[in-house]
Each structure stands twice: as structure tokens, then as C-alpha cells.
C-alpha atoms as a PDB file:
ATOM      1  CA  MET A   1      -4.238   5.362 -11.331  1.00  0.00           C
ATOM      2  CA  ALA A   2      -0.954   3.705 -12.314  1.00  0.00           C
ATOM      3  CA  ILE A   3       0.755   5.226  -9.273  1.00  0.00           C
ATOM      4  CA  ARG A   4      -2.077   4.073  -7.010  1.00  0.00           C
ATOM      5  CA  ASN A   5      -1.733   0.535  -8.399  1.00  0.00           C
ATOM      6  CA  GLU A   6       2.000   0.552  -7.673  1.00  0.00           C
ATOM      7  CA  ILE A   7       1.640   1.093  -3.913  1.00  0.00           C
ATOM      8  CA  PRO A   8       0.551  -2.435  -2.924  1.00  0.00           C
ATOM      9  CA  ARG A   9       3.246  -4.105  -5.057  1.00  0.00           C
ATOM     10  CA  SER A  10       5.931  -4.197  -2.346  1.00  0.00           C
ATOM     11  CA  GLU A  11       6.246  -4.162   1.422  1.00  0.00           C
ATOM     12  CA  GLU A  12       8.470  -1.098   1.240  1.00  0.00           C
ATOM     13  CA  SER A  13       5.977   0.948  -0.782  1.00  0.00           C
ATOM     14  CA  ARG A  14       3.142   0.000   1.606  1.00  0.00           C
ATOM     15  CA  TYR A  15       5.335   1.104   4.528  1.00  0.00           C
ATOM     16  CA  ASP A  16       6.113   4.413   2.784  1.00  0.00           C
ATOM     17  CA  HIS A  17       2.407   4.926   2.090  1.00  0.00           C
ATOM     18  CA  ARG A  18       1.548   4.453   5.778  1.00  0.00           C
ATOM     19  CA  LEU A  19       4.420   6.710   6.777  1.00  0.00           C
ATOM     20  CA  HIS A  20       3.124   9.466   4.481  1.00  0.00           C
ATOM     21  CA  GLY A  21      -0.305   9.157   6.057  1.00  0.00           C
ATOM     22  CA  VAL A  22       1.046   9.476   9.586  1.00  0.00           C
ATOM     23  CA  PHE A  23       3.220  12.397   8.474  1.00  0.00           C
ATOM     24  CA  LEU A  24       0.250  14.280   7.017  1.00  0.00           C
ATOM     25  CA  VAL A  25      -1.695  13.831  10.261  1.00  0.00           C
ATOM     26  CA  SER A  26       1.347  14.920  12.316  1.00  0.00           C
ATOM     27  CA  GLU A  27       1.467  18.096  10.209  1.00  0.00           C
ATOM     28  CA  GLY A  28      -2.055  19.009  11.256  1.00  0.00           C
ATOM     29  CA  MET A  29      -4.346  17.307   8.750  1.00  0.00           C
ATOM     30  CA  SER A  30      -7.283  15.361  10.026  1.00  0.00           C
ATOM     31  CA  CYS A  31      -7.395  11.616   9.380  1.00  0.00           C
ATOM     32  CA  TYR A  32     -10.256  12.315   6.996  1.00  0.00           C
ATOM     33  CA  GLU A  33      -8.212  14.845   4.965  1.00  0.00           C
ATOM     34  CA  ALA A  34      -5.097  12.670   4.869  1.00  0.00           C
ATOM     35  CA  GLY A  35      -7.176   9.636   3.929  1.00  0.00           C
ATOM     36  CA  ARG A  36      -8.811  11.539   1.082  1.00  0.00           C
ATOM     37  CA  ILE A  37      -5.421  12.551  -0.300  1.00  0.00           C
ATOM     38  CA  LEU A  38      -4.014   9.013  -0.017  1.00  0.00           C
ATOM     39  CA  CYS A  39      -7.219   7.276  -1.143  1.00  0.00           C
ATOM     40  CA  GLU A  40      -7.622   5.550   2.210  1.00  0.00           C
ATOM     41  CA  ASP A  41     -10.517   5.363   4.628  1.00  0.00           C
ATOM     42  CA  SER A  42     -10.273   7.782   7.551  1.00  0.00           C
ATOM     43  CA  ARG A  43     -10.581   4.843   9.962  1.00  0.00           C
ATOM     44  CA  THR A  44      -7.540   3.236   8.331  1.00  0.00           C
ATOM     45  CA  MET A  45      -5.636   6.479   8.865  1.00  0.00           C
ATOM     46  CA  GLU A  46      -6.685   6.495  12.524  1.00  0.00           C
ATOM     47  CA  ARG A  47      -5.379   2.939  12.948  1.00  0.00           C
ATOM     48  CA  TRP A  48      -2.034   3.848  11.372  1.00  0.00           C
ATOM     49  CA  VAL A  49      -1.666   6.867  13.672  1.00  0.00           C
ATOM     50  CA  MET A  50      -2.589   4.807  16.744  1.00  0.00           C
ATOM     51  CA  ARG A  51      -0.135   2.063  15.768  1.00  0.00           C
ATOM     52  CA  PHE A  52       2.614   4.626  15.263  1.00  0.00           C
ATOM     53  CA  ASN A  53       1.867   6.360  18.583  1.00  0.00           C
ATOM     54  CA  GLU A  54       1.858   3.058  20.462  1.00  0.00           C
ATOM     55  CA  LYS A  55       4.824   1.262  18.921  1.00  0.00           C
ATOM     56  CA  GLY A  56       6.628   3.621  16.550  1.00  0.00           C
ATOM     57  CA  PHE A  57       7.976   3.134  13.058  1.00  0.00           C
ATOM     58  CA  ASN A  58       8.289  -0.655  13.185  1.00  0.00           C
ATOM     59  CA  ASP A  59       4.568  -1.111  13.678  1.00  0.00           C
ATOM     60  CA  LEU A  60       3.926   0.622  10.348  1.00  0.00           C
ATOM     61  CA  ARG A  61       5.970  -2.072   8.614  1.00  0.00           C
ATOM     62  CA  GLU A  62       4.297  -5.028   6.977  1.00  0.00           C
ATOM     63  CA  GLY A  63       3.212  -7.734   9.365  1.00  0.00           C
ATOM     64  CA  LYS A  64       2.541 -11.357   8.667  1.00  0.00           C
ATOM     65  CA  ARG A  65      -0.406 -11.649   6.313  1.00  0.00           C
ATOM     66  CA  SER A  66      -2.895 -14.379   6.843  1.00  0.00           C
ATOM     67  CA  GLY A  67      -4.737 -16.086   4.079  1.00  0.00           C
ATOM     68  CA  ARG A  68      -4.520 -18.941   1.715  1.00  0.00           C
ATOM     69  CA  PRO A  69      -0.991 -19.700   0.502  1.00  0.00           C
ATOM     70  CA  SER A  70      -0.307 -19.166  -3.176  1.00  0.00           C
ATOM     71  CA  GLU A  71      -0.360 -22.209  -5.410  1.00  0.00           C
ATOM     72  CA  LEU A  72       2.035 -20.458  -7.788  1.00  0.00           C
ATOM     73  CA  THR A  73       5.786 -20.662  -7.428  1.00  0.00           C
ATOM     74  CA  PRO A  74       7.774 -17.407  -7.216  1.00  0.00           C
ATOM     75  CA  GLN A  75       9.070 -18.116 -10.746  1.00  0.00           C
ATOM     76  CA  GLN A  76       5.501 -18.432 -12.081  1.00  0.00           C
ATOM     77  CA  ILE A  77       4.534 -15.159 -10.397  1.00  0.00           C
ATOM     78  CA  ASP A  78       7.567 -13.417 -11.949  1.00  0.00           C
ATOM     79  CA  THR A  79       6.676 -14.791 -15.394  1.00  0.00           C
ATOM     80  CA  ILE A  80       3.057 -13.607 -15.113  1.00  0.00           C
ATOM     81  CA  SER A  81       4.155 -10.200 -13.828  1.00  0.00           C
ATOM     82  CA  ALA A  82       6.586  -9.733 -16.713  1.00  0.00           C
ATOM     83  CA  ASP A  83       3.931 -10.775 -19.218  1.00  0.00           C
ATOM     84  CA  LEU A  84       1.387  -8.351 -17.755  1.00  0.00           C
ATOM     85  CA  LYS A  85       3.897  -5.500 -17.868  1.00  0.00           C
ATOM     86  CA  ALA A  86       4.809  -6.313 -21.455  1.00  0.00           C
ATOM     87  CA  HIS A  87       1.160  -6.302 -22.499  1.00  0.00           C
ATOM     88  CA  SER A  88      -0.228  -3.709 -20.089  1.00  0.00           C
ATOM     89  CA  GLN A  89      -1.788  -1.636 -22.880  1.00  0.00           C
ATOM     90  CA  TYR A  90      -4.317  -4.473 -23.353  1.00  0.00           C
ATOM     91  CA  PHE A  91      -5.242  -4.630 -19.681  1.00  0.00           C
ATOM     92  CA  PHE A  92      -5.001  -0.937 -18.766  1.00  0.00           C
ATOM     93  CA  PRO A  93      -5.687   1.013 -21.969  1.00  0.00           C
ATOM     94  CA  PHE A  94      -6.260   4.329 -20.189  1.00  0.00           C
ATOM     95  CA  THR A  95      -3.045   4.532 -18.135  1.00  0.00           C
END
């Protein structure tokens, strides 16, 4: 579970995750099988493969995310992140 929680933490790890999915499908796995291994929906896998086939590696990279802007400064986010890591046994006792 700790590894699974680490994937969304950076753009580079999300890119690598998508790349692994496309690789598994290119090696002969179905989108369903690859999605099961990577804990992703098979439809998500299909989208990644289609994006890769249409536009290549760059389309697997992180795009602009929409949504409400953060009210926290980058320094506040770093402070919270460090505090959570230092006290992770209280939040994730089974990892």
C-alpha cells in the first residue's frame, strides 16, 4: 500500500506508472490484465494506450490539471508533508 500511495506524489512517478501500463499491454497483456496489476481501471489503461499510439511518449506526461488552486503556499505544503512523514505511524499504522 505504501508503494501504491507513492505513485501520485510526483509527475515523474505518474509518467512512469503510465509507461509501465503501456509497456505491459505492448508485451501482450490485455488492458484488463495490466490494469489489475497496476491497480487501474481497464478503461484507463485503454486511454493510456490510445494516447501513446496517437502522440507518443509526451502524451503520457502530466498535462495541465484543472481544479481549484491551492490556498496553501509551497512552504506550507512542504511543512505538512514533513510532519506527516515524521508521524506516519499514527496515520498509517499498518504500513
